Amino acid sequence: TALRCVDRTLSSDLIDVVIDRWGSLAELPKRWRDAPPAPNDVASIAPRVAEVARAGDPLARGIWERAGGLLGNSVVDVIIAAGLADEPVRFAGSGALFEAADLLMTGFTNAVRAECPNAMAVTAKGDPLAGSIALASAVELPEVFGSLLARLSLTGKN
């Protein structure tokens, strides 16, 4: 998006975020073509992009809304695969990206509700690991997570 801003002579604080992290935009495509950054390297600017979005930058807000929509599409895929598209399924977002829930939730919820209109957004009751363990227990799949469940029971982390 920052490169598109330069190409179209648009103004956005995203340009500064990218330059601060990776240097000159003129050389960025070649550098990334020769040595693509790891996903966690790209993700490392998410907090800065969130700051820019919260400050009102429409392009940064658009990035977060699209990200929410893509995450919502993943939820839809799971709901449909489980045969629950018409059911009042509860869904929540959790993990590091949802620290910016104020920026993600509209796109996230809209994407899910567009395909699964009876689905209901709820607040996550724990972190992603806790949710995985609860799901494994609820659907009687302890053989999949058995050793992990046993370890957590022994350490009292549940």
C-alpha atoms as a PDB file:
ATOM      1  CA  THR A   1       0.000   0.000   0.000  1.00  0.00           C
ATOM      2  CA  ALA A   2       2.858   2.391   0.767  1.00  0.00           C
ATOM      3  CA  LEU A   3       4.387   1.740  -2.659  1.00  0.00           C
ATOM      4  CA  ARG A   4       1.010   2.328  -4.290  1.00  0.00           C
ATOM      5  CA  CYS A   5       0.842   5.682  -2.497  1.00  0.00           C
ATOM      6  CA  VAL A   6       4.175   6.691  -3.989  1.00  0.00           C
ATOM      7  CA  ASP A   7       3.206   5.428  -7.461  1.00  0.00           C
ATOM      8  CA  ARG A   8      -0.047   7.402  -7.353  1.00  0.00           C
ATOM      9  CA  THR A   9       1.452  10.396  -5.542  1.00  0.00           C
ATOM     10  CA  LEU A  10      -0.903   9.902  -2.634  1.00  0.00           C
ATOM     11  CA  SER A  11      -0.085  11.037   0.852  1.00  0.00           C
ATOM     12  CA  SER A  12      -0.114   8.566   3.722  1.00  0.00           C
ATOM     13  CA  ASP A  13       1.776   8.146   6.965  1.00  0.00           C
ATOM     14  CA  LEU A  14       2.196   4.502   5.929  1.00  0.00           C
ATOM     15  CA  ILE A  15       5.067   5.660   3.733  1.00  0.00           C
ATOM     16  CA  ASP A  16       7.004   6.783   6.800  1.00  0.00           C
ATOM     17  CA  VAL A  17       6.264   3.513   8.607  1.00  0.00           C
ATOM     18  CA  VAL A  18       7.678   1.472   5.721  1.00  0.00           C
ATOM     19  CA  ILE A  19      10.710   3.738   5.241  1.00  0.00           C
ATOM     20  CA  ASP A  20      11.478   3.610   8.979  1.00  0.00           C
ATOM     21  CA  ARG A  21      11.460  -0.183   8.850  1.00  0.00           C
ATOM     22  CA  TRP A  22      12.988  -0.997   5.438  1.00  0.00           C
ATOM     23  CA  GLY A  23      14.596   2.158   4.082  1.00  0.00           C
ATOM     24  CA  SER A  24      14.204   3.659   0.634  1.00  0.00           C
ATOM     25  CA  LEU A  25      10.995   2.759  -1.152  1.00  0.00           C
ATOM     26  CA  ALA A  26      12.697   3.102  -4.531  1.00  0.00           C
ATOM     27  CA  GLU A  27      14.868   0.065  -3.779  1.00  0.00           C
ATOM     28  CA  LEU A  28      12.352  -1.929  -1.764  1.00  0.00           C
ATOM     29  CA  PRO A  29      10.863  -4.043  -4.581  1.00  0.00           C
ATOM     30  CA  LYS A  30      14.320  -5.219  -5.696  1.00  0.00           C
ATOM     31  CA  ARG A  31      15.447  -5.915  -2.125  1.00  0.00           C
ATOM     32  CA  TRP A  32      12.294  -7.934  -1.407  1.00  0.00           C
ATOM     33  CA  ARG A  33      12.559  -9.765  -4.727  1.00  0.00           C
ATOM     34  CA  ASP A  34      16.153 -10.737  -3.965  1.00  0.00           C
ATOM     35  CA  ALA A  35      15.544 -11.514  -0.280  1.00  0.00           C
ATOM     36  CA  PRO A  36      11.856 -11.670   0.640  1.00  0.00           C
ATOM     37  CA  PRO A  37      11.191 -10.705   4.253  1.00  0.00           C
ATOM     38  CA  ALA A  38       9.913 -13.324   6.653  1.00  0.00           C
ATOM     39  CA  PRO A  39       6.213 -13.011   7.553  1.00  0.00           C
ATOM     40  CA  ASN A  40       7.062 -12.038  11.135  1.00  0.00           C
ATOM     41  CA  ASP A  41       9.273  -9.238   9.777  1.00  0.00           C
ATOM     42  CA  VAL A  42       6.368  -7.807   7.805  1.00  0.00           C
ATOM     43  CA  ALA A  43       4.004  -8.351  10.745  1.00  0.00           C
ATOM     44  CA  SER A  44       6.365  -6.420  13.007  1.00  0.00           C
ATOM     45  CA  ILE A  45       5.031  -3.116  11.644  1.00  0.00           C
ATOM     46  CA  ALA A  46       1.405  -3.952  12.560  1.00  0.00           C
ATOM     47  CA  PRO A  47       1.488  -1.887  15.770  1.00  0.00           C
ATOM     48  CA  ARG A  48       2.772   1.151  13.854  1.00  0.00           C
ATOM     49  CA  VAL A  49       0.157   0.671  11.120  1.00  0.00           C
ATOM     50  CA  ALA A  50      -2.456   0.515  13.892  1.00  0.00           C
ATOM     51  CA  GLU A  51      -1.195   3.811  15.340  1.00  0.00           C
ATOM     52  CA  VAL A  52      -1.414   5.441  11.918  1.00  0.00           C
ATOM     53  CA  ALA A  53      -4.921   4.036  11.399  1.00  0.00           C
ATOM     54  CA  ARG A  54      -6.086   5.310  14.781  1.00  0.00           C
ATOM     55  CA  ALA A  55      -4.691   8.723  13.888  1.00  0.00           C
ATOM     56  CA  GLY A  56      -7.100   8.771  10.939  1.00  0.00           C
ATOM     57  CA  ASP A  57      -5.066   7.590   7.950  1.00  0.00           C
ATOM     58  CA  PRO A  58      -7.691   6.093   5.598  1.00  0.00           C
ATOM     59  CA  LEU A  59      -5.238   3.760   3.857  1.00  0.00           C
ATOM     60  CA  ALA A  60      -4.041   2.307   7.157  1.00  0.00           C
ATOM     61  CA  ARG A  61      -7.645   1.876   8.303  1.00  0.00           C
ATOM     62  CA  GLY A  62      -8.354   0.093   5.026  1.00  0.00           C
ATOM     63  CA  ILE A  63      -5.502  -2.341   5.657  1.00  0.00           C
ATOM     64  CA  TRP A  64      -6.960  -3.265   9.034  1.00  0.00           C
ATOM     65  CA  GLU A  65     -10.489  -3.577   7.681  1.00  0.00           C
ATOM     66  CA  ARG A  66      -9.293  -5.863   4.848  1.00  0.00           C
ATOM     67  CA  ALA A  67      -7.264  -7.909   7.342  1.00  0.00           C
ATOM     68  CA  GLY A  68     -10.375  -8.305   9.497  1.00  0.00           C
ATOM     69  CA  GLY A  69     -12.324  -9.444   6.450  1.00  0.00           C
ATOM     70  CA  LEU A  70      -9.695 -12.021   5.520  1.00  0.00           C
ATOM     71  CA  LEU A  71      -9.624 -13.363   9.066  1.00  0.00           C
ATOM     72  CA  GLY A  72     -13.421 -13.485   8.997  1.00  0.00           C
ATOM     73  CA  ASN A  73     -13.295 -15.468   5.746  1.00  0.00           C
ATOM     74  CA  SER A  74     -11.171 -18.065   7.535  1.00  0.00           C
ATOM     75  CA  VAL A  75     -13.819 -18.335  10.242  1.00  0.00           C
ATOM     76  CA  VAL A  76     -16.479 -18.752   7.554  1.00  0.00           C
ATOM     77  CA  ASP A  77     -14.510 -21.579   5.967  1.00  0.00           C
ATOM     78  CA  VAL A  78     -14.448 -23.442   9.285  1.00  0.00           C
ATOM     79  CA  ILE A  79     -18.132 -22.823  10.009  1.00  0.00           C
ATOM     80  CA  ILE A  80     -19.151 -24.047   6.560  1.00  0.00           C
ATOM     81  CA  ALA A  81     -16.842 -27.069   6.721  1.00  0.00           C
ATOM     82  CA  ALA A  82     -18.431 -27.978  10.063  1.00  0.00           C
ATOM     83  CA  GLY A  83     -21.894 -27.785   8.468  1.00  0.00           C
ATOM     84  CA  LEU A  84     -22.969 -24.956  10.777  1.00  0.00           C
ATOM     85  CA  ALA A  85     -23.530 -22.114   8.312  1.00  0.00           C
ATOM     86  CA  ASP A  86     -27.180 -21.678   9.290  1.00  0.00           C
ATOM     87  CA  GLU A  87     -26.684 -22.193  13.026  1.00  0.00           C
ATOM     88  CA  PRO A  88     -26.291 -19.507  15.721  1.00  0.00           C
ATOM     89  CA  VAL A  89     -22.570 -20.180  16.030  1.00  0.00           C
ATOM     90  CA  ARG A  90     -20.554 -17.984  18.378  1.00  0.00           C
ATOM     91  CA  PHE A  91     -17.190 -16.765  17.108  1.00  0.00           C
ATOM     92  CA  ALA A  92     -14.410 -14.643  18.526  1.00  0.00           C
ATOM     93  CA  GLY A  93     -11.075 -13.297  17.478  1.00  0.00           C
ATOM     94  CA  SER A  94      -8.000 -13.803  19.593  1.00  0.00           C
ATOM     95  CA  GLY A  95      -4.264 -13.487  19.272  1.00  0.00           C
ATOM     96  CA  ALA A  96      -1.842 -10.640  18.779  1.00  0.00           C
ATOM     97  CA  LEU A  97      -3.649  -9.026  15.838  1.00  0.00           C
ATOM     98  CA  PHE A  98      -6.799  -8.691  17.917  1.00  0.00           C
ATOM     99  CA  GLU A  99      -4.959  -6.319  20.210  1.00  0.00           C
ATOM    100  CA  ALA A 100      -6.200  -3.953  17.486  1.00  0.00           C
ATOM    101  CA  ALA A 101      -9.779  -5.232  17.753  1.00  0.00           C
ATOM    102  CA  ASP A 102     -11.038  -1.668  17.386  1.00  0.00           C
ATOM    103  CA  LEU A 103      -9.644  -1.755  13.847  1.00  0.00           C
ATOM    104  CA  LEU A 104     -10.318  -5.399  12.928  1.00  0.00           C
ATOM    105  CA  MET A 105     -13.750  -6.235  14.299  1.00  0.00           C
ATOM    106  CA  THR A 106     -15.918  -4.472  11.742  1.00  0.00           C
ATOM    107  CA  GLY A 107     -14.341  -6.261   8.784  1.00  0.00           C
ATOM    108  CA  PHE A 108     -14.070  -9.512  10.764  1.00  0.00           C
ATOM    109  CA  THR A 109     -17.701  -9.529  11.883  1.00  0.00           C
ATOM    110  CA  ASN A 110     -19.068  -8.330   8.539  1.00  0.00           C
ATOM    111  CA  ALA A 111     -17.243 -11.093   6.655  1.00  0.00           C
ATOM    112  CA  VAL A 112     -18.611 -13.794   8.949  1.00  0.00           C
ATOM    113  CA  ARG A 113     -22.158 -12.416   9.062  1.00  0.00           C
ATOM    114  CA  ALA A 114     -22.269 -12.043   5.257  1.00  0.00           C
ATOM    115  CA  GLU A 115     -21.936 -15.820   4.837  1.00  0.00           C
ATOM    116  CA  CYS A 116     -23.299 -17.032   8.181  1.00  0.00           C
ATOM    117  CA  PRO A 117     -26.031 -14.554   9.131  1.00  0.00           C
ATOM    118  CA  ASN A 118     -26.947 -16.345  12.361  1.00  0.00           C
ATOM    119  CA  ALA A 119     -23.393 -16.288  13.676  1.00  0.00           C
ATOM    120  CA  MET A 120     -22.760 -14.139  16.734  1.00  0.00           C
ATOM    121  CA  ALA A 121     -19.541 -12.313  17.604  1.00  0.00           C
ATOM    122  CA  VAL A 122     -18.523 -12.769  21.244  1.00  0.00           C
ATOM    123  CA  THR A 123     -15.516 -11.743  23.289  1.00  0.00           C
ATOM    124  CA  ALA A 124     -12.840 -14.419  23.510  1.00  0.00           C
ATOM    125  CA  LYS A 125     -12.642 -15.950  26.981  1.00  0.00           C
ATOM    126  CA  GLY A 126      -8.944 -16.692  26.717  1.00  0.00           C
ATOM    127  CA  ASP A 127      -5.954 -16.868  24.442  1.00  0.00           C
ATOM    128  CA  PRO A 128      -5.719 -19.059  21.311  1.00  0.00           C
ATOM    129  CA  LEU A 129      -4.200 -21.998  23.213  1.00  0.00           C
ATOM    130  CA  ALA A 130      -7.004 -21.987  25.770  1.00  0.00           C
ATOM    131  CA  GLY A 131      -9.536 -21.945  22.945  1.00  0.00           C
ATOM    132  CA  SER A 132      -7.863 -24.864  21.201  1.00  0.00           C
ATOM    133  CA  ILE A 133      -7.896 -26.897  24.395  1.00  0.00           C
ATOM    134  CA  ALA A 134     -11.540 -26.053  25.079  1.00  0.00           C
ATOM    135  CA  LEU A 135     -12.485 -27.004  21.531  1.00  0.00           C
ATOM    136  CA  ALA A 136     -10.559 -30.259  21.710  1.00  0.00           C
ATOM    137  CA  SER A 137     -12.288 -31.121  24.976  1.00  0.00           C
ATOM    138  CA  ALA A 138     -15.727 -30.085  23.759  1.00  0.00           C
ATOM    139  CA  VAL A 139     -15.617 -32.162  20.605  1.00  0.00           C
ATOM    140  CA  GLU A 140     -14.109 -35.145  22.384  1.00  0.00           C
ATOM    141  CA  LEU A 141     -10.789 -35.098  20.617  1.00  0.00           C
ATOM    142  CA  PRO A 142      -8.521 -35.585  23.616  1.00  0.00           C
ATOM    143  CA  GLU A 143      -6.467 -38.080  21.615  1.00  0.00           C
ATOM    144  CA  VAL A 144      -5.366 -35.184  19.418  1.00  0.00           C
ATOM    145  CA  PHE A 145      -4.328 -32.975  22.320  1.00  0.00           C
ATOM    146  CA  GLY A 146      -4.035 -35.629  25.030  1.00  0.00           C
ATOM    147  CA  SER A 147      -0.418 -35.090  26.001  1.00  0.00           C
ATOM    148  CA  LEU A 148      -0.819 -31.313  25.999  1.00  0.00           C
ATOM    149  CA  LEU A 149      -3.947 -31.538  28.159  1.00  0.00           C
ATOM    150  CA  ALA A 150      -2.128 -33.856  30.564  1.00  0.00           C
ATOM    151  CA  ARG A 151       0.849 -31.479  30.809  1.00  0.00           C
ATOM    152  CA  LEU A 152      -1.386 -28.486  31.463  1.00  0.00           C
ATOM    153  CA  SER A 153      -3.311 -30.430  34.108  1.00  0.00           C
ATOM    154  CA  LEU A 154      -0.047 -31.304  35.865  1.00  0.00           C
ATOM    155  CA  THR A 155       1.166 -27.709  35.840  1.00  0.00           C
ATOM    156  CA  GLY A 156      -2.205 -26.263  36.826  1.00  0.00           C
ATOM    157  CA  LYS A 157      -2.351 -24.066  33.687  1.00  0.00           C
ATOM    158  CA  ASN A 158      -5.883 -24.480  32.411  1.00  0.00           C
END
